[in-house]
Amino acid sequence: IREAQAAGAKSLRAIADVLNARGIATARGGR
């Protein structure tokens, strides 16, 4: 999340998009 913020992802939605693009799942295995 910190890396996404440093790369310019300022909003929560933008951070979520970066994590999904990197294939990182939530604690429950979802998007």
Full PDB file with SEQRES, HELIX, SHEET, SSBOND, CRYST1, ORIGX, SCALE, CONECT and MASTER records, all heavy atoms in Angstrom:
SEQRES   1 A   31  ILE ARG GLU ALA GLN ALA ALA GLY ALA LYS SER LEU ARG          
SEQRES   2 A   31  ALA ILE ALA ASP VAL LEU ASN ALA ARG GLY ILE ALA THR          
SEQRES   3 A   31  ALA ARG GLY GLY ARG                                          
HELIX    1 AA1 ARG A    2  ALA A    6  1                                   5    
HELIX    2 AA2 LEU A   12  ALA A   21  1                                  10    
CRYST1    1.000    1.000    1.000  90.00  90.00  90.00 P 1           1          
ORIGX1      1.000000  0.000000  0.000000        0.00000                         
ORIGX2      0.000000  1.000000  0.000000        0.00000                         
ORIGX3      0.000000  0.000000  1.000000        0.00000                         
SCALE1      1.000000  0.000000  0.000000        0.00000                         
SCALE2      0.000000  1.000000  0.000000        0.00000                         
SCALE3      0.000000  0.000000  1.000000        0.00000                         
ATOM      1  N   ILE A   1       0.841  -1.204   0.000  1.00  0.00           N  
ATOM      2  CA  ILE A   1       0.000   0.000   0.000  1.00  0.00           C  
ATOM      3  C   ILE A   1       0.873   1.249   0.000  1.00  0.00           C  
ATOM      4  O   ILE A   1       0.608   2.210  -0.737  1.00  0.00           O  
ATOM      5  CB  ILE A   1      -0.940  -0.010   1.226  1.00  0.00           C  
ATOM      6  CG1 ILE A   1      -1.976  -1.133   1.091  1.00  0.00           C  
ATOM      7  CG2 ILE A   1      -1.634   1.343   1.389  1.00  0.00           C  
ATOM      8  CD1 ILE A   1      -2.912  -1.261   2.280  1.00  0.00           C  
ATOM      9  N   ARG A   2       1.943   1.224   0.810  1.00  0.00           N  
ATOM     10  CA  ARG A   2       2.847   2.378   0.855  1.00  0.00           C  
ATOM     11  C   ARG A   2       3.525   2.588  -0.502  1.00  0.00           C  
ATOM     12  O   ARG A   2       3.718   3.730  -0.946  1.00  0.00           O  
ATOM     13  CB  ARG A   2       3.898   2.181   1.948  1.00  0.00           C  
ATOM     14  CG  ARG A   2       3.355   2.023   3.363  1.00  0.00           C  
ATOM     15  CD  ARG A   2       2.403   3.117   3.750  1.00  0.00           C  
ATOM     16  NE  ARG A   2       1.927   2.970   5.129  1.00  0.00           N  
ATOM     17  CZ  ARG A   2       0.861   3.564   5.626  1.00  0.00           C  
ATOM     18  NH1 ARG A   2       0.122   4.331   4.820  1.00  0.00           N  
ATOM     19  NH2 ARG A   2       0.506   3.388   6.875  1.00  0.00           N  
ATOM     20  N   GLU A   3       3.885   1.521  -1.159  1.00  0.00           N  
ATOM     21  CA  GLU A   3       4.502   1.632  -2.476  1.00  0.00           C  
ATOM     22  C   GLU A   3       3.526   2.246  -3.481  1.00  0.00           C  
ATOM     23  O   GLU A   3       3.905   3.081  -4.316  1.00  0.00           O  
ATOM     24  CB  GLU A   3       4.947   0.254  -2.973  1.00  0.00           C  
ATOM     25  CG  GLU A   3       6.126  -0.330  -2.204  1.00  0.00           C  
ATOM     26  CD  GLU A   3       6.468  -1.740  -2.664  1.00  0.00           C  
ATOM     27  OE1 GLU A   3       5.882  -2.187  -3.684  1.00  0.00           O  
ATOM     28  OE2 GLU A   3       7.294  -2.384  -2.006  1.00  0.00           O  
ATOM     29  N   ALA A   4       2.258   1.822  -3.403  1.00  0.00           N  
ATOM     30  CA  ALA A   4       1.249   2.371  -4.298  1.00  0.00           C  
ATOM     31  C   ALA A   4       1.061   3.866  -4.052  1.00  0.00           C  
ATOM     32  O   ALA A   4       0.922   4.657  -4.996  1.00  0.00           O  
ATOM     33  CB  ALA A   4      -0.078   1.630  -4.106  1.00  0.00           C  
ATOM     34  N   GLN A   5       1.075   4.264  -2.782  1.00  0.00           N  
ATOM     35  CA  GLN A   5       0.933   5.678  -2.449  1.00  0.00           C  
ATOM     36  C   GLN A   5       2.126   6.481  -2.962  1.00  0.00           C  
ATOM     37  O   GLN A   5       1.959   7.584  -3.507  1.00  0.00           O  
ATOM     38  CB  GLN A   5       0.789   5.847  -0.921  1.00  0.00           C  
ATOM     39  CG  GLN A   5      -0.537   5.339  -0.381  1.00  0.00           C  
ATOM     40  CD  GLN A   5      -0.588   5.367   1.134  1.00  0.00           C  
ATOM     41  OE1 GLN A   5       0.407   5.076   1.807  1.00  0.00           O  
ATOM     42  NE2 GLN A   5      -1.754   5.719   1.676  1.00  0.00           N  
ATOM     43  N   ALA A   6       3.318   5.905  -2.800  1.00  0.00           N  
ATOM     44  CA  ALA A   6       4.519   6.594  -3.255  1.00  0.00           C  
ATOM     45  C   ALA A   6       4.539   6.738  -4.774  1.00  0.00           C  
ATOM     46  O   ALA A   6       5.126   7.695  -5.316  1.00  0.00           O  
ATOM     47  CB  ALA A   6       5.762   5.835  -2.776  1.00  0.00           C  
ATOM     48  N   ALA A   7       3.880   5.791  -5.458  1.00  0.00           N  
ATOM     49  CA  ALA A   7       3.849   5.828  -6.918  1.00  0.00           C  
ATOM     50  C   ALA A   7       2.764   6.764  -7.455  1.00  0.00           C  
ATOM     51  O   ALA A   7       2.622   6.903  -8.670  1.00  0.00           O  
ATOM     52  CB  ALA A   7       3.649   4.429  -7.464  1.00  0.00           C  
ATOM     53  N   GLY A   8       2.002   7.376  -6.562  1.00  0.00           N  
ATOM     54  CA  GLY A   8       1.008   8.344  -6.998  1.00  0.00           C  
ATOM     55  C   GLY A   8      -0.434   7.966  -6.760  1.00  0.00           C  
ATOM     56  O   GLY A   8      -1.344   8.732  -7.118  1.00  0.00           O  
ATOM     57  N   ALA A   9      -0.696   6.809  -6.161  1.00  0.00           N  
ATOM     58  CA  ALA A   9      -2.070   6.398  -5.853  1.00  0.00           C  
ATOM     59  C   ALA A   9      -2.518   7.110  -4.587  1.00  0.00           C  
ATOM     60  O   ALA A   9      -2.135   6.731  -3.487  1.00  0.00           O  
ATOM     61  CB  ALA A   9      -2.149   4.885  -5.677  1.00  0.00           C  
ATOM     62  N   LYS A  10      -3.303   8.141  -4.753  1.00  0.00           N  
ATOM     63  CA  LYS A  10      -3.676   8.970  -3.607  1.00  0.00           C  
ATOM     64  C   LYS A  10      -5.000   8.546  -2.961  1.00  0.00           C  
ATOM     65  O   LYS A  10      -5.161   8.649  -1.758  1.00  0.00           O  
ATOM     66  CB  LYS A  10      -3.777  10.432  -4.052  1.00  0.00           C  
ATOM     67  CG  LYS A  10      -2.487  10.999  -4.638  1.00  0.00           C  
ATOM     68  CD  LYS A  10      -1.330  10.882  -3.658  1.00  0.00           C  
ATOM     69  CE  LYS A  10      -0.052  11.488  -4.241  1.00  0.00           C  
ATOM     70  NZ  LYS A  10       1.095  11.323  -3.307  1.00  0.00           N  
ATOM     71  N   SER A  11      -5.926   8.090  -3.746  1.00  0.00           N  
ATOM     72  CA  SER A  11      -7.237   7.721  -3.196  1.00  0.00           C  
ATOM     73  C   SER A  11      -7.273   6.240  -2.822  1.00  0.00           C  
ATOM     74  O   SER A  11      -6.457   5.434  -3.286  1.00  0.00           O  
ATOM     75  CB  SER A  11      -8.345   8.012  -4.215  1.00  0.00           C  
ATOM     76  OG  SER A  11      -8.243   7.132  -5.324  1.00  0.00           O  
ATOM     77  N   LEU A  12      -8.224   5.894  -1.974  1.00  0.00           N  
ATOM     78  CA  LEU A  12      -8.404   4.497  -1.582  1.00  0.00           C  
ATOM     79  C   LEU A  12      -8.737   3.638  -2.796  1.00  0.00           C  
ATOM     80  O   LEU A  12      -8.265   2.505  -2.923  1.00  0.00           O  
ATOM     81  CB  LEU A  12      -9.517   4.387  -0.529  1.00  0.00           C  
ATOM     82  CG  LEU A  12      -9.261   5.089   0.807  1.00  0.00           C  
ATOM     83  CD1 LEU A  12     -10.503   5.011   1.681  1.00  0.00           C  
ATOM     84  CD2 LEU A  12      -8.060   4.472   1.520  1.00  0.00           C  
ATOM     85  N   ARG A  13      -9.564   4.180  -3.698  1.00  0.00           N  
ATOM     86  CA  ARG A  13      -9.938   3.446  -4.913  1.00  0.00           C  
ATOM     87  C   ARG A  13      -8.718   3.180  -5.777  1.00  0.00           C  
ATOM     88  O   ARG A  13      -8.554   2.083  -6.324  1.00  0.00           O  
ATOM     89  CB  ARG A  13     -10.959   4.284  -5.693  1.00  0.00           C  
ATOM     90  CG  ARG A  13     -11.427   3.715  -7.020  1.00  0.00           C  
ATOM     91  CD  ARG A  13     -12.286   2.498  -6.859  1.00  0.00           C  
ATOM     92  NE  ARG A  13     -11.510   1.270  -6.932  1.00  0.00           N  
ATOM     93  CZ  ARG A  13     -11.969   0.072  -6.700  1.00  0.00           C  
ATOM     94  NH1 ARG A  13     -13.226  -0.092  -6.326  1.00  0.00           N  
ATOM     95  NH2 ARG A  13     -11.207  -0.991  -6.807  1.00  0.00           N  
ATOM     96  N   ALA A  14      -7.830   4.189  -5.894  1.00  0.00           N  
ATOM     97  CA  ALA A  14      -6.624   4.021  -6.709  1.00  0.00           C  
ATOM     98  C   ALA A  14      -5.699   2.978  -6.100  1.00  0.00           C  
ATOM     99  O   ALA A  14      -5.103   2.164  -6.824  1.00  0.00           O  
ATOM    100  CB  ALA A  14      -5.899   5.364  -6.844  1.00  0.00           C  
ATOM    101  N   ILE A  15      -5.574   2.986  -4.774  1.00  0.00           N  
ATOM    102  CA  ILE A  15      -4.730   1.986  -4.101  1.00  0.00           C  
ATOM    103  C   ILE A  15      -5.296   0.585  -4.325  1.00  0.00           C  
ATOM    104  O   ILE A  15      -4.558  -0.366  -4.597  1.00  0.00           O  
ATOM    105  CB  ILE A  15      -4.643   2.290  -2.595  1.00  0.00           C  
ATOM    106  CG1 ILE A  15      -3.921   3.637  -2.364  1.00  0.00           C  
ATOM    107  CG2 ILE A  15      -3.921   1.177  -1.856  1.00  0.00           C  
ATOM    108  CD1 ILE A  15      -3.981   4.103  -0.923  1.00  0.00           C  
ATOM    109  N   ALA A  16      -6.623   0.459  -4.233  1.00  0.00           N  
ATOM    110  CA  ALA A  16      -7.266  -0.845  -4.457  1.00  0.00           C  
ATOM    111  C   ALA A  16      -6.982  -1.344  -5.864  1.00  0.00           C  
ATOM    112  O   ALA A  16      -6.698  -2.537  -6.068  1.00  0.00           O  
ATOM    113  CB  ALA A  16      -8.768  -0.734  -4.218  1.00  0.00           C  
ATOM    114  N   ASP A  17      -7.035  -0.444  -6.841  1.00  0.00           N  
ATOM    115  CA  ASP A  17      -6.768  -0.833  -8.232  1.00  0.00           C  
ATOM    116  C   ASP A  17      -5.342  -1.343  -8.399  1.00  0.00           C  
ATOM    117  O   ASP A  17      -5.103  -2.326  -9.125  1.00  0.00           O  
ATOM    118  CB  ASP A  17      -7.008   0.355  -9.164  1.00  0.00           C  
ATOM    119  CG  ASP A  17      -8.490   0.711  -9.275  1.00  0.00           C  
ATOM    120  OD1 ASP A  17      -9.327  -0.159  -8.956  1.00  0.00           O  
ATOM    121  OD2 ASP A  17      -8.787   1.852  -9.670  1.00  0.00           O  
ATOM    122  N   VAL A  18      -4.385  -0.696  -7.721  1.00  0.00           N  
ATOM    123  CA  VAL A  18      -2.989  -1.127  -7.807  1.00  0.00           C  
ATOM    124  C   VAL A  18      -2.817  -2.519  -7.196  1.00  0.00           C  
ATOM    125  O   VAL A  18      -2.151  -3.391  -7.776  1.00  0.00           O  
ATOM    126  CB  VAL A  18      -2.062  -0.113  -7.098  1.00  0.00           C  
ATOM    127  CG1 VAL A  18      -0.643  -0.670  -7.001  1.00  0.00           C  
ATOM    128  CG2 VAL A  18      -2.059   1.210  -7.840  1.00  0.00           C  
ATOM    129  N   LEU A  19      -3.412  -2.741  -6.022  1.00  0.00           N  
ATOM    130  CA  LEU A  19      -3.291  -4.047  -5.364  1.00  0.00           C  
ATOM    131  C   LEU A  19      -3.918  -5.137  -6.222  1.00  0.00           C  
ATOM    132  O   LEU A  19      -3.361  -6.245  -6.345  1.00  0.00           O  
ATOM    133  CB  LEU A  19      -3.969  -3.992  -3.991  1.00  0.00           C  
ATOM    134  CG  LEU A  19      -3.339  -3.051  -2.956  1.00  0.00           C  
ATOM    135  CD1 LEU A  19      -4.160  -3.040  -1.677  1.00  0.00           C  
ATOM    136  CD2 LEU A  19      -1.902  -3.459  -2.652  1.00  0.00           C  
ATOM    137  N   ASN A  20      -5.058  -4.856  -6.819  1.00  0.00           N  
ATOM    138  CA  ASN A  20      -5.703  -5.842  -7.687  1.00  0.00           C  
ATOM    139  C   ASN A  20      -4.856  -6.132  -8.919  1.00  0.00           C  
ATOM    140  O   ASN A  20      -4.749  -7.285  -9.364  1.00  0.00           O  
ATOM    141  CB  ASN A  20      -7.093  -5.344  -8.107  1.00  0.00           C  
ATOM    142  CG  ASN A  20      -8.095  -5.347  -6.962  1.00  0.00           C  
ATOM    143  OD1 ASN A  20      -8.018  -6.193  -6.069  1.00  0.00           O  
ATOM    144  ND2 ASN A  20      -9.024  -4.404  -6.979  1.00  0.00           N  
ATOM    145  N   ALA A  21      -4.251  -5.071  -9.477  1.00  0.00           N  
ATOM    146  CA  ALA A  21      -3.409  -5.248 -10.665  1.00  0.00           C  
ATOM    147  C   ALA A  21      -2.177  -6.096 -10.352  1.00  0.00           C  
ATOM    148  O   ALA A  21      -1.688  -6.845 -11.208  1.00  0.00           O  
ATOM    149  CB  ALA A  21      -2.991  -3.888 -11.211  1.00  0.00           C  
ATOM    150  N   ARG A  22      -1.701  -6.009  -9.121  1.00  0.00           N  
ATOM    151  CA  ARG A  22      -0.523  -6.790  -8.721  1.00  0.00           C  
ATOM    152  C   ARG A  22      -0.890  -8.206  -8.288  1.00  0.00           C  
ATOM    153  O   ARG A  22      -0.023  -9.008  -7.945  1.00  0.00           O  
ATOM    154  CB  ARG A  22       0.221  -6.076  -7.589  1.00  0.00           C  
ATOM    155  CG  ARG A  22       0.874  -4.758  -8.004  1.00  0.00           C  
ATOM    156  CD  ARG A  22       1.606  -4.106  -6.857  1.00  0.00           C  
ATOM    157  NE  ARG A  22       2.628  -4.994  -6.289  1.00  0.00           N  
ATOM    158  CZ  ARG A  22       3.426  -4.654  -5.274  1.00  0.00           C  
ATOM    159  NH1 ARG A  22       3.319  -3.446  -4.729  1.00  0.00           N  
ATOM    160  NH2 ARG A  22       4.320  -5.493  -4.806  1.00  0.00           N  
ATOM    161  N   GLY A  23      -2.172  -8.530  -8.286  1.00  0.00           N  
ATOM    162  CA  GLY A  23      -2.606  -9.874  -7.920  1.00  0.00           C  
ATOM    163  C   GLY A  23      -2.579 -10.148  -6.437  1.00  0.00           C  
ATOM    164  O   GLY A  23      -2.547 -11.310  -6.004  1.00  0.00           O  
ATOM    165  N   ILE A  24      -2.582  -9.106  -5.634  1.00  0.00           N  
ATOM    166  CA  ILE A  24      -2.593  -9.268  -4.173  1.00  0.00           C  
ATOM    167  C   ILE A  24      -4.046  -9.389  -3.717  1.00  0.00           C  
ATOM    168  O   ILE A  24      -4.870  -8.519  -4.010  1.00  0.00           O  
ATOM    169  CB  ILE A  24      -1.920  -8.063  -3.484  1.00  0.00           C  
ATOM    170  CG1 ILE A  24      -0.460  -7.935  -3.952  1.00  0.00           C  
ATOM    171  CG2 ILE A  24      -1.988  -8.207  -1.961  1.00  0.00           C  
ATOM    172  CD1 ILE A  24       0.226  -6.683  -3.442  1.00  0.00           C  
ATOM    173  N   ALA A  25      -4.356 -10.443  -2.994  1.00  0.00           N  
ATOM    174  CA  ALA A  25      -5.729 -10.681  -2.547  1.00  0.00           C  
ATOM    175  C   ALA A  25      -5.962 -10.090  -1.162  1.00  0.00           C  
ATOM    176  O   ALA A  25      -5.020  -9.826  -0.411  1.00  0.00           O  
ATOM    177  CB  ALA A  25      -6.025 -12.179  -2.521  1.00  0.00           C  
ATOM    178  N   THR A  26      -7.218  -9.884  -0.835  1.00  0.00           N  
ATOM    179  CA  THR A  26      -7.575  -9.451   0.516  1.00  0.00           C  
ATOM    180  C   THR A  26      -7.405 -10.618   1.482  1.00  0.00           C  
ATOM    181  O   THR A  26      -7.092 -11.740   1.087  1.00  0.00           O  
ATOM    182  CB  THR A  26      -9.032  -8.967   0.559  1.00  0.00           C  
ATOM    183  OG1 THR A  26      -9.894 -10.089   0.272  1.00  0.00           O  
ATOM    184  CG2 THR A  26      -9.286  -7.875  -0.457  1.00  0.00           C  
ATOM    185  N   ALA A  27      -7.646 -10.357   2.761  1.00  0.00           N  
ATOM    186  CA  ALA A  27      -7.500 -11.408   3.778  1.00  0.00           C  
ATOM    187  C   ALA A  27      -8.448 -12.572   3.514  1.00  0.00           C  
ATOM    188  O   ALA A  27      -8.158 -13.714   3.872  1.00  0.00           O  
ATOM    189  CB  ALA A  27      -7.757 -10.828   5.164  1.00  0.00           C  
ATOM    190  N   ARG A  28      -9.564 -12.298   2.863  1.00  0.00           N  
ATOM    191  CA  ARG A  28     -10.543 -13.348   2.549  1.00  0.00           C  
ATOM    192  C   ARG A  28     -10.369 -13.908   1.143  1.00  0.00           C  
ATOM    193  O   ARG A  28     -11.198 -14.681   0.671  1.00  0.00           O  
ATOM    194  CB  ARG A  28     -11.963 -12.796   2.710  1.00  0.00           C  
ATOM    195  CG  ARG A  28     -12.285 -12.387   4.148  1.00  0.00           C  
ATOM    196  CD  ARG A  28     -13.723 -11.935   4.272  1.00  0.00           C  
ATOM    197  NE  ARG A  28     -14.057 -11.598   5.653  1.00  0.00           N  
ATOM    198  CZ  ARG A  28     -15.254 -11.202   6.066  1.00  0.00           C  
ATOM    199  NH1 ARG A  28     -16.240 -11.103   5.181  1.00  0.00           N  
ATOM    200  NH2 ARG A  28     -15.477 -10.904   7.327  1.00  0.00           N  
ATOM    201  N   GLY A  29      -9.312 -13.492   0.479  1.00  0.00           N  
ATOM    202  CA  GLY A  29      -9.035 -14.027  -0.845  1.00  0.00           C  
ATOM    203  C   GLY A  29      -9.765 -13.339  -1.970  1.00  0.00           C  
ATOM    204  O   GLY A  29      -9.781 -13.841  -3.097  1.00  0.00           O  
ATOM    205  N   GLY A  30     -10.374 -12.193  -1.685  1.00  0.00           N  
ATOM    206  CA  GLY A  30     -11.136 -11.493  -2.703  1.00  0.00           C  
ATOM    207  C   GLY A  30     -10.394 -10.312  -3.293  1.00  0.00           C  
ATOM    208  O   GLY A  30      -9.188 -10.136  -3.081  1.00  0.00           O  
ATOM    209  N   ARG A  31     -11.133  -9.488  -4.051  1.00  0.00           N  
ATOM    210  CA  ARG A  31     -10.556  -8.303  -4.676  1.00  0.00           C  
ATOM    211  C   ARG A  31     -10.678  -7.109  -3.740  1.00  0.00           C  
ATOM    212  O   ARG A  31     -11.582  -7.035  -2.907  1.00  0.00           O  
ATOM    213  CB  ARG A  31     -11.264  -8.003  -6.011  1.00  0.00           C  
ATOM    214  CG  ARG A  31     -10.963  -9.022  -7.090  1.00  0.00           C  
ATOM    215  CD  ARG A  31     -11.713  -8.694  -8.376  1.00  0.00           C  
ATOM    216  NE  ARG A  31     -11.377  -7.369  -8.888  1.00  0.00           N  
ATOM    217  CZ  ARG A  31     -10.276  -7.092  -9.576  1.00  0.00           C  
ATOM    218  NH1 ARG A  31      -9.399  -8.059  -9.858  1.00  0.00           N  
ATOM    219  NH2 ARG A  31     -10.035  -5.865 -10.029  1.00  0.00           N  
TER     220      ARG A  31                                                      
MASTER        0    0    0    2    0    0    0    6  219    1    0    3          
END                                                                             
